[in-house]
Amino acid sequence: MAHNPQPPQGPQGHDPAGSTQMFRAFVDEPGPAGQQTQATRPSGPRAGLIVGVIAVVVILAAVGWLAFS
């Protein structure tokens, strides 16, 4: 088992970059801004995904039809 001869630097539980505290503040931030972006979000990506799946199914069906005919 390895032994770490250097003691930990600084106070325990302190994030020197502050990224953890900033992330928690961002996630815990209440407000209408987060709710408004979700409410006005268009259904573009979902519609694009559905069209893409249908296109793949049609292409596979055409390839299968050509292969077996």
Protein backbone atom coordinates (compact mmCIF):
# COMPACT_ATOMS: atom_id res chain seq x y z
CA MET A 1 0.00 0.00 0.00
CA ALA A 2 1.37 3.42 -0.90
CA HIS A 3 2.07 6.00 1.77
CA ASN A 4 1.67 9.69 0.99
CA PRO A 5 4.38 11.53 2.99
CA GLN A 6 3.01 14.99 2.14
CA PRO A 7 0.23 16.35 4.34
CA PRO A 8 -2.81 17.86 2.61
CA GLN A 9 -2.38 21.50 1.69
CA GLY A 10 -4.84 24.11 2.93
CA PRO A 11 -8.11 23.61 4.79
CA GLN A 12 -10.00 20.39 4.20
CA GLY A 13 -13.09 20.60 2.03
CA HIS A 14 -11.98 23.79 0.30
CA ASP A 15 -12.23 23.91 -3.49
CA PRO A 16 -9.37 26.16 -4.64
CA ALA A 17 -10.94 26.83 -8.02
CA GLY A 18 -14.37 27.47 -6.55
CA SER A 19 -16.00 25.44 -9.32
CA THR A 20 -17.99 23.26 -6.94
CA GLN A 21 -19.47 26.25 -5.16
CA MET A 22 -20.28 27.95 -8.46
CA PHE A 23 -21.93 24.79 -9.78
CA ARG A 24 -24.05 24.37 -6.68
CA ALA A 25 -25.09 28.02 -6.85
CA PHE A 26 -26.06 27.57 -10.50
CA VAL A 27 -28.04 24.38 -9.88
CA ASP A 28 -29.77 25.63 -6.73
CA GLU A 29 -30.59 29.02 -8.23
CA PRO A 30 -34.37 29.44 -8.24
CA GLY A 31 -35.97 31.80 -10.66
CA PRO A 32 -38.17 32.19 -13.70
CA ALA A 33 -35.18 32.22 -16.07
CA GLY A 34 -34.71 28.45 -15.88
CA GLN A 35 -38.43 27.78 -16.07
CA GLN A 36 -38.93 30.18 -18.96
CA THR A 37 -36.27 28.55 -21.13
CA GLN A 38 -37.88 25.16 -20.62
CA ALA A 39 -41.40 26.44 -21.29
CA THR A 40 -40.46 28.22 -24.53
CA ARG A 41 -38.18 25.46 -25.76
CA PRO A 42 -39.15 24.42 -29.28
CA SER A 43 -39.70 20.79 -30.17
CA GLY A 44 -37.13 20.99 -32.99
CA PRO A 45 -34.61 18.43 -31.71
CA ARG A 46 -37.32 15.88 -30.94
CA ALA A 47 -38.95 16.33 -34.35
CA GLY A 48 -35.55 16.03 -36.02
CA LEU A 49 -34.86 12.81 -34.16
CA ILE A 50 -38.19 11.32 -35.24
CA VAL A 51 -37.59 12.29 -38.88
CA GLY A 52 -34.08 10.81 -38.69
CA VAL A 53 -35.33 7.50 -37.32
CA ILE A 54 -38.02 7.30 -40.01
CA ALA A 55 -35.42 8.06 -42.70
CA VAL A 56 -33.13 5.29 -41.40
CA VAL A 57 -36.01 2.79 -41.40
CA VAL A 58 -36.98 3.74 -44.98
CA ILE A 59 -33.36 3.44 -46.18
CA LEU A 60 -32.92 0.05 -44.51
CA ALA A 61 -36.19 -1.17 -46.03
CA ALA A 62 -35.06 -0.02 -49.49
CA VAL A 63 -31.67 -1.72 -49.11
CA GLY A 64 -33.36 -4.92 -47.94
CA TRP A 65 -35.82 -4.83 -50.84
CA LEU A 66 -32.98 -4.38 -53.35
CA ALA A 67 -30.90 -7.14 -51.75
CA PHE A 68 -33.71 -9.72 -51.81
CA SER A 69 -35.15 -8.90 -55.21
